[in-house]
Amino acid sequence: FFGVVLGANLQALDTTMATVALPRMQGALSATQDEIAWVLTAYLIAVVIVLPLTGYLSARFGRKNLFLVATAAFIVTSMLAGTSDSLFEMVIYRFLQGLAAAPFIPVSQSFVFDVYTGDERGEAMGWWTMGMMSGLLLGPALGGYVTEFHSWRWAFYLNVPLGLLSFFLVLVFAPVRRIRPPVPPFGFTGFIILAVALVGLQ
């Protein structure tokens, strides 16, 4: 439970820490205020694009496998974002980071729904929500601290130890479905139109 909540929190923590670090990033990357906003926009667009795919990918490859791959990809892209030396690099890495982060929240919720039943499920979802709220509250404080006393790059590097902890907890303790649900049909044409439209609007 702690592992999947921590994994879901990575998405909230990363968004809030990066928001606080934006002014320092703007100076370091020689970007205008409009340009630096793409650091957040690219991430959020990627999350929204991949989110509809989560159910299909979970059924196709297994929920646990999807969560582990997403966590590993998020750790790698966080490290890359922290090493960015230009705005172009940062926006590309943030987009990739958003692609990795998209499955965190829906997959962690499905873990909780499967493991707990009956009256326990409501209490477990209450704790899950509290865990998510703690991430949203801690994110700005952590982002402000590391930006002020260390470097804006640590707003991304902090994801690495937290991601590794979540990865190993889920790897060791998360249950595997003995019977996988049938893979639902997925409208790839509509998905591609949605993705192109979202990027085009931005």
C-alpha atoms as a PDB file:
ATOM      1  CA  PHE A   1       0.000   0.000   0.000  1.00  0.00           C
ATOM      2  CA  PHE A   2       2.786   2.415   0.902  1.00  0.00           C
ATOM      3  CA  GLY A   3       4.626   1.546  -2.318  1.00  0.00           C
ATOM      4  CA  VAL A   4       1.702   2.300  -4.629  1.00  0.00           C
ATOM      5  CA  VAL A   5       0.744   5.476  -2.739  1.00  0.00           C
ATOM      6  CA  LEU A   6       4.341   6.679  -2.930  1.00  0.00           C
ATOM      7  CA  GLY A   7       4.394   5.904  -6.654  1.00  0.00           C
ATOM      8  CA  ALA A   8       1.165   7.829  -7.231  1.00  0.00           C
ATOM      9  CA  ASN A   9       2.595  10.697  -5.194  1.00  0.00           C
ATOM     10  CA  LEU A  10       5.526  11.032  -7.577  1.00  0.00           C
ATOM     11  CA  GLN A  11       3.203  12.608 -10.120  1.00  0.00           C
ATOM     12  CA  ALA A  12       1.886  15.206  -7.663  1.00  0.00           C
ATOM     13  CA  LEU A  13       5.285  15.858  -6.070  1.00  0.00           C
ATOM     14  CA  ASP A  14       6.997  16.355  -9.401  1.00  0.00           C
ATOM     15  CA  THR A  15       4.391  18.822 -10.669  1.00  0.00           C
ATOM     16  CA  THR A  16       4.424  20.975  -7.525  1.00  0.00           C
ATOM     17  CA  MET A  17       8.218  20.911  -7.029  1.00  0.00           C
ATOM     18  CA  ALA A  18       8.819  21.865 -10.658  1.00  0.00           C
ATOM     19  CA  THR A  19       6.325  24.730 -10.370  1.00  0.00           C
ATOM     20  CA  VAL A  20       8.205  26.203  -7.415  1.00  0.00           C
ATOM     21  CA  ALA A  21      11.550  25.802  -9.187  1.00  0.00           C
ATOM     22  CA  LEU A  22      10.396  27.508 -12.424  1.00  0.00           C
ATOM     23  CA  PRO A  23      11.880  30.982 -11.721  1.00  0.00           C
ATOM     24  CA  ARG A  24      15.350  29.493 -11.102  1.00  0.00           C
ATOM     25  CA  MET A  25      15.025  27.279 -14.170  1.00  0.00           C
ATOM     26  CA  GLN A  26      14.053  30.289 -16.246  1.00  0.00           C
ATOM     27  CA  GLY A  27      17.296  32.069 -15.387  1.00  0.00           C
ATOM     28  CA  ALA A  28      19.498  28.999 -15.765  1.00  0.00           C
ATOM     29  CA  LEU A  29      18.026  28.047 -19.153  1.00  0.00           C
ATOM     30  CA  SER A  30      17.820  31.648 -20.462  1.00  0.00           C
ATOM     31  CA  ALA A  31      14.104  31.337 -21.187  1.00  0.00           C
ATOM     32  CA  THR A  32      11.318  33.890 -21.286  1.00  0.00           C
ATOM     33  CA  GLN A  33       8.289  33.571 -19.029  1.00  0.00           C
ATOM     34  CA  ASP A  34       6.199  32.191 -21.890  1.00  0.00           C
ATOM     35  CA  GLU A  35       8.891  29.708 -22.895  1.00  0.00           C
ATOM     36  CA  ILE A  36       9.510  28.348 -19.389  1.00  0.00           C
ATOM     37  CA  ALA A  37       5.785  27.598 -19.030  1.00  0.00           C
ATOM     38  CA  TRP A  38       6.352  24.736 -21.497  1.00  0.00           C
ATOM     39  CA  VAL A  39       8.205  22.889 -18.724  1.00  0.00           C
ATOM     40  CA  LEU A  40       4.821  22.370 -17.043  1.00  0.00           C
ATOM     41  CA  THR A  41       2.684  22.252 -20.183  1.00  0.00           C
ATOM     42  CA  ALA A  42       4.693  19.502 -21.908  1.00  0.00           C
ATOM     43  CA  TYR A  43       4.448  17.307 -18.800  1.00  0.00           C
ATOM     44  CA  LEU A  44       0.691  17.770 -18.406  1.00  0.00           C
ATOM     45  CA  ILE A  45      -0.022  17.200 -22.108  1.00  0.00           C
ATOM     46  CA  ALA A  46       1.879  13.901 -21.978  1.00  0.00           C
ATOM     47  CA  VAL A  47      -0.049  12.758 -18.892  1.00  0.00           C
ATOM     48  CA  VAL A  48      -3.404  13.551 -20.540  1.00  0.00           C
ATOM     49  CA  ILE A  49      -2.412  11.798 -23.778  1.00  0.00           C
ATOM     50  CA  VAL A  50      -1.377   8.509 -22.134  1.00  0.00           C
ATOM     51  CA  LEU A  51      -4.124   8.397 -19.484  1.00  0.00           C
ATOM     52  CA  PRO A  52      -6.771   6.847 -21.793  1.00  0.00           C
ATOM     53  CA  LEU A  53      -4.296   4.079 -22.673  1.00  0.00           C
ATOM     54  CA  THR A  54      -3.809   2.982 -19.059  1.00  0.00           C
ATOM     55  CA  GLY A  55      -6.659   0.450 -18.929  1.00  0.00           C
ATOM     56  CA  TYR A  56      -5.627  -1.166 -22.197  1.00  0.00           C
ATOM     57  CA  LEU A  57      -1.930  -1.346 -21.220  1.00  0.00           C
ATOM     58  CA  SER A  58      -2.800  -2.738 -17.781  1.00  0.00           C
ATOM     59  CA  ALA A  59      -4.900  -5.527 -19.287  1.00  0.00           C
ATOM     60  CA  ARG A  60      -2.368  -6.217 -22.032  1.00  0.00           C
ATOM     61  CA  PHE A  61       0.849  -6.344 -19.991  1.00  0.00           C
ATOM     62  CA  GLY A  62      -0.327  -6.726 -16.402  1.00  0.00           C
ATOM     63  CA  ARG A  63      -0.932  -4.031 -13.820  1.00  0.00           C
ATOM     64  CA  LYS A  64       2.182  -4.749 -11.780  1.00  0.00           C
ATOM     65  CA  ASN A  65       4.422  -4.795 -14.858  1.00  0.00           C
ATOM     66  CA  LEU A  66       2.944  -1.514 -16.094  1.00  0.00           C
ATOM     67  CA  PHE A  67       3.513   0.164 -12.732  1.00  0.00           C
ATOM     68  CA  LEU A  68       7.118  -1.060 -12.527  1.00  0.00           C
ATOM     69  CA  VAL A  69       7.975  -0.017 -16.094  1.00  0.00           C
ATOM     70  CA  ALA A  70       6.351   3.388 -15.557  1.00  0.00           C
ATOM     71  CA  THR A  71       8.304   3.892 -12.320  1.00  0.00           C
ATOM     72  CA  ALA A  72      11.612   2.906 -13.916  1.00  0.00           C
ATOM     73  CA  ALA A  73      10.963   5.220 -16.880  1.00  0.00           C
ATOM     74  CA  PHE A  74      10.000   8.048 -14.514  1.00  0.00           C
ATOM     75  CA  ILE A  75      13.261   7.649 -12.573  1.00  0.00           C
ATOM     76  CA  VAL A  76      15.354   7.775 -15.759  1.00  0.00           C
ATOM     77  CA  THR A  77      13.509  10.777 -17.223  1.00  0.00           C
ATOM     78  CA  SER A  78      13.744  12.613 -13.878  1.00  0.00           C
ATOM     79  CA  MET A  79      17.519  12.206 -13.947  1.00  0.00           C
ATOM     80  CA  LEU A  80      17.609  13.433 -17.555  1.00  0.00           C
ATOM     81  CA  ALA A  81      15.445  16.460 -16.701  1.00  0.00           C
ATOM     82  CA  GLY A  82      17.825  17.322 -13.873  1.00  0.00           C
ATOM     83  CA  THR A  83      20.790  17.331 -16.264  1.00  0.00           C
ATOM     84  CA  SER A  84      19.122  19.576 -18.880  1.00  0.00           C
ATOM     85  CA  ASP A  85      21.275  22.431 -20.177  1.00  0.00           C
ATOM     86  CA  SER A  86      18.763  23.978 -22.582  1.00  0.00           C
ATOM     87  CA  LEU A  87      15.053  24.698 -22.719  1.00  0.00           C
ATOM     88  CA  PHE A  88      14.610  22.295 -25.644  1.00  0.00           C
ATOM     89  CA  GLU A  89      16.157  19.410 -23.672  1.00  0.00           C
ATOM     90  CA  MET A  90      14.062  20.223 -20.615  1.00  0.00           C
ATOM     91  CA  VAL A  91      10.772  20.282 -22.556  1.00  0.00           C
ATOM     92  CA  ILE A  92      11.565  16.970 -24.298  1.00  0.00           C
ATOM     93  CA  TYR A  93      12.540  15.264 -21.035  1.00  0.00           C
ATOM     94  CA  ARG A  94       9.489  16.664 -19.258  1.00  0.00           C
ATOM     95  CA  PHE A  95       7.245  15.316 -22.008  1.00  0.00           C
ATOM     96  CA  LEU A  96       8.812  11.873 -21.633  1.00  0.00           C
ATOM     97  CA  GLN A  97       8.464  12.172 -17.871  1.00  0.00           C
ATOM     98  CA  GLY A  98       4.750  12.859 -18.275  1.00  0.00           C
ATOM     99  CA  LEU A  99       4.358   9.791 -20.496  1.00  0.00           C
ATOM    100  CA  ALA A 100       5.883   7.682 -17.703  1.00  0.00           C
ATOM    101  CA  ALA A 101       3.850   9.302 -14.907  1.00  0.00           C
ATOM    102  CA  ALA A 102       0.405   8.897 -16.485  1.00  0.00           C
ATOM    103  CA  PRO A 103      -0.361   5.349 -15.196  1.00  0.00           C
ATOM    104  CA  PHE A 104       0.618   6.044 -11.564  1.00  0.00           C
ATOM    105  CA  ILE A 105      -2.697   7.229 -10.121  1.00  0.00           C
ATOM    106  CA  PRO A 106      -5.181   4.903 -11.920  1.00  0.00           C
ATOM    107  CA  VAL A 107      -2.998   1.807 -11.422  1.00  0.00           C
ATOM    108  CA  SER A 108      -2.390   2.559  -7.736  1.00  0.00           C
ATOM    109  CA  GLN A 109      -6.139   2.976  -7.217  1.00  0.00           C
ATOM    110  CA  SER A 110      -6.834  -0.362  -8.894  1.00  0.00           C
ATOM    111  CA  PHE A 111      -4.306  -2.061  -6.582  1.00  0.00           C
ATOM    112  CA  VAL A 112      -6.168  -0.669  -3.561  1.00  0.00           C
ATOM    113  CA  PHE A 113      -9.580  -1.736  -4.916  1.00  0.00           C
ATOM    114  CA  ASP A 114      -8.383  -5.285  -5.548  1.00  0.00           C
ATOM    115  CA  VAL A 115      -6.507  -5.853  -2.287  1.00  0.00           C
ATOM    116  CA  TYR A 116      -9.199  -4.459   0.028  1.00  0.00           C
ATOM    117  CA  THR A 117     -12.832  -5.560  -0.031  1.00  0.00           C
ATOM    118  CA  GLY A 118     -16.068  -4.556   1.655  1.00  0.00           C
ATOM    119  CA  ASP A 119     -15.823  -2.029   4.472  1.00  0.00           C
ATOM    120  CA  GLU A 120     -12.016  -2.077   4.298  1.00  0.00           C
ATOM    121  CA  ARG A 121     -12.106  -0.597   0.804  1.00  0.00           C
ATOM    122  CA  GLY A 122     -13.638   2.701   1.938  1.00  0.00           C
ATOM    123  CA  GLU A 123     -11.096   3.086   4.731  1.00  0.00           C
ATOM    124  CA  ALA A 124      -8.230   2.159   2.385  1.00  0.00           C
ATOM    125  CA  MET A 125      -9.347   4.745  -0.175  1.00  0.00           C
ATOM    126  CA  GLY A 126      -9.492   7.309   2.625  1.00  0.00           C
ATOM    127  CA  TRP A 127      -5.866   6.568   3.491  1.00  0.00           C
ATOM    128  CA  TRP A 128      -4.967   6.599  -0.220  1.00  0.00           C
ATOM    129  CA  THR A 129      -6.518  10.060  -0.588  1.00  0.00           C
ATOM    130  CA  MET A 130      -4.708  11.292   2.520  1.00  0.00           C
ATOM    131  CA  GLY A 131      -1.449   9.998   1.083  1.00  0.00           C
ATOM    132  CA  MET A 132      -2.071  11.868  -2.172  1.00  0.00           C
ATOM    133  CA  MET A 133      -2.913  15.071  -0.314  1.00  0.00           C
ATOM    134  CA  SER A 134       0.311  14.831   1.686  1.00  0.00           C
ATOM    135  CA  GLY A 135       2.228  14.766  -1.585  1.00  0.00           C
ATOM    136  CA  LEU A 136       0.466  17.880  -2.827  1.00  0.00           C
ATOM    137  CA  LEU A 137       1.225  19.642   0.466  1.00  0.00           C
ATOM    138  CA  LEU A 138       4.862  18.551   0.742  1.00  0.00           C
ATOM    139  CA  GLY A 139       5.723  19.229  -2.903  1.00  0.00           C
ATOM    140  CA  PRO A 140       5.912  23.045  -2.733  1.00  0.00           C
ATOM    141  CA  ALA A 141       7.830  22.946   0.566  1.00  0.00           C
ATOM    142  CA  LEU A 142      10.370  20.407  -0.722  1.00  0.00           C
ATOM    143  CA  GLY A 143      10.680  22.225  -4.039  1.00  0.00           C
ATOM    144  CA  GLY A 144      11.249  25.551  -2.313  1.00  0.00           C
ATOM    145  CA  TYR A 145      13.828  24.096   0.076  1.00  0.00           C
ATOM    146  CA  VAL A 146      15.982  22.322  -2.512  1.00  0.00           C
ATOM    147  CA  THR A 147      15.746  25.258  -4.940  1.00  0.00           C
ATOM    148  CA  GLU A 148      16.757  27.802  -2.312  1.00  0.00           C
ATOM    149  CA  PHE A 149      19.539  25.878  -0.579  1.00  0.00           C
ATOM    150  CA  HIS A 150      20.815  23.505  -3.272  1.00  0.00           C
ATOM    151  CA  SER A 151      19.765  23.716  -6.940  1.00  0.00           C
ATOM    152  CA  TRP A 152      16.588  23.633  -9.013  1.00  0.00           C
ATOM    153  CA  ARG A 153      17.931  20.364 -10.463  1.00  0.00           C
ATOM    154  CA  TRP A 154      17.180  18.654  -7.147  1.00  0.00           C
ATOM    155  CA  ALA A 155      13.471  19.196  -7.788  1.00  0.00           C
ATOM    156  CA  PHE A 156      13.960  16.339 -10.277  1.00  0.00           C
ATOM    157  CA  TYR A 157      16.756  14.386  -8.591  1.00  0.00           C
ATOM    158  CA  LEU A 158      14.569  13.903  -5.479  1.00  0.00           C
ATOM    159  CA  ASN A 159      12.311  11.684  -7.584  1.00  0.00           C
ATOM    160  CA  VAL A 160      15.104   9.126  -7.930  1.00  0.00           C
ATOM    161  CA  PRO A 161      15.330   7.769  -4.336  1.00  0.00           C
ATOM    162  CA  LEU A 162      11.551   8.013  -3.870  1.00  0.00           C
ATOM    163  CA  GLY A 163      10.967   6.230  -7.167  1.00  0.00           C
ATOM    164  CA  LEU A 164      13.461   3.488  -6.311  1.00  0.00           C
ATOM    165  CA  LEU A 165      11.768   2.898  -2.941  1.00  0.00           C
ATOM    166  CA  SER A 166       8.356   2.645  -4.613  1.00  0.00           C
ATOM    167  CA  PHE A 167       9.751   0.352  -7.327  1.00  0.00           C
ATOM    168  CA  PHE A 168      11.232  -2.171  -4.898  1.00  0.00           C
ATOM    169  CA  LEU A 169       8.218  -2.168  -2.566  1.00  0.00           C
ATOM    170  CA  VAL A 170       5.856  -2.868  -5.459  1.00  0.00           C
ATOM    171  CA  LEU A 171       8.264  -5.415  -6.980  1.00  0.00           C
ATOM    172  CA  VAL A 172       8.445  -7.415  -3.730  1.00  0.00           C
ATOM    173  CA  PHE A 173       5.000  -6.999  -2.164  1.00  0.00           C
ATOM    174  CA  ALA A 174       2.428  -6.125  -4.831  1.00  0.00           C
ATOM    175  CA  PRO A 175       0.147  -9.038  -5.767  1.00  0.00           C
ATOM    176  CA  VAL A 176      -0.065 -10.373  -9.305  1.00  0.00           C
ATOM    177  CA  ARG A 177      -3.452 -11.165 -10.817  1.00  0.00           C
ATOM    178  CA  ARG A 178      -3.737 -14.920 -11.268  1.00  0.00           C
ATOM    179  CA  ILE A 179      -6.382 -14.435 -13.959  1.00  0.00           C
ATOM    180  CA  ARG A 180      -5.916 -11.408 -16.165  1.00  0.00           C
ATOM    181  CA  PRO A 181      -9.030  -9.647 -17.436  1.00  0.00           C
ATOM    182  CA  PRO A 182      -9.666  -9.855 -21.181  1.00  0.00           C
ATOM    183  CA  VAL A 183      -7.889  -7.148 -23.158  1.00  0.00           C
ATOM    184  CA  PRO A 184     -10.552  -4.568 -24.053  1.00  0.00           C
ATOM    185  CA  PRO A 185     -10.746  -3.251 -27.613  1.00  0.00           C
ATOM    186  CA  PHE A 186      -9.125   0.136 -27.986  1.00  0.00           C
ATOM    187  CA  GLY A 187      -9.871   2.802 -30.581  1.00  0.00           C
ATOM    188  CA  PHE A 188      -6.363   3.729 -31.715  1.00  0.00           C
ATOM    189  CA  THR A 189      -7.667   6.032 -34.450  1.00  0.00           C
ATOM    190  CA  GLY A 190      -9.578   8.114 -31.939  1.00  0.00           C
ATOM    191  CA  PHE A 191      -6.611   8.059 -29.579  1.00  0.00           C
ATOM    192  CA  ILE A 192      -4.261   9.420 -32.252  1.00  0.00           C
ATOM    193  CA  ILE A 193      -6.770  12.134 -33.195  1.00  0.00           C
ATOM    194  CA  LEU A 194      -7.072  13.098 -29.512  1.00  0.00           C
ATOM    195  CA  ALA A 195      -3.292  13.233 -29.051  1.00  0.00           C
ATOM    196  CA  VAL A 196      -2.734  15.336 -32.179  1.00  0.00           C
ATOM    197  CA  ALA A 197      -5.610  17.662 -31.263  1.00  0.00           C
ATOM    198  CA  LEU A 198      -4.306  18.246 -27.717  1.00  0.00           C
ATOM    199  CA  VAL A 199      -0.792  19.041 -28.919  1.00  0.00           C
ATOM    200  CA  GLY A 200      -2.169  21.164 -31.753  1.00  0.00           C
ATOM    201  CA  LEU A 201      -4.310  23.233 -29.383  1.00  0.00           C
ATOM    202  CA  GLN A 202      -1.276  24.005 -27.246  1.00  0.00           C
END
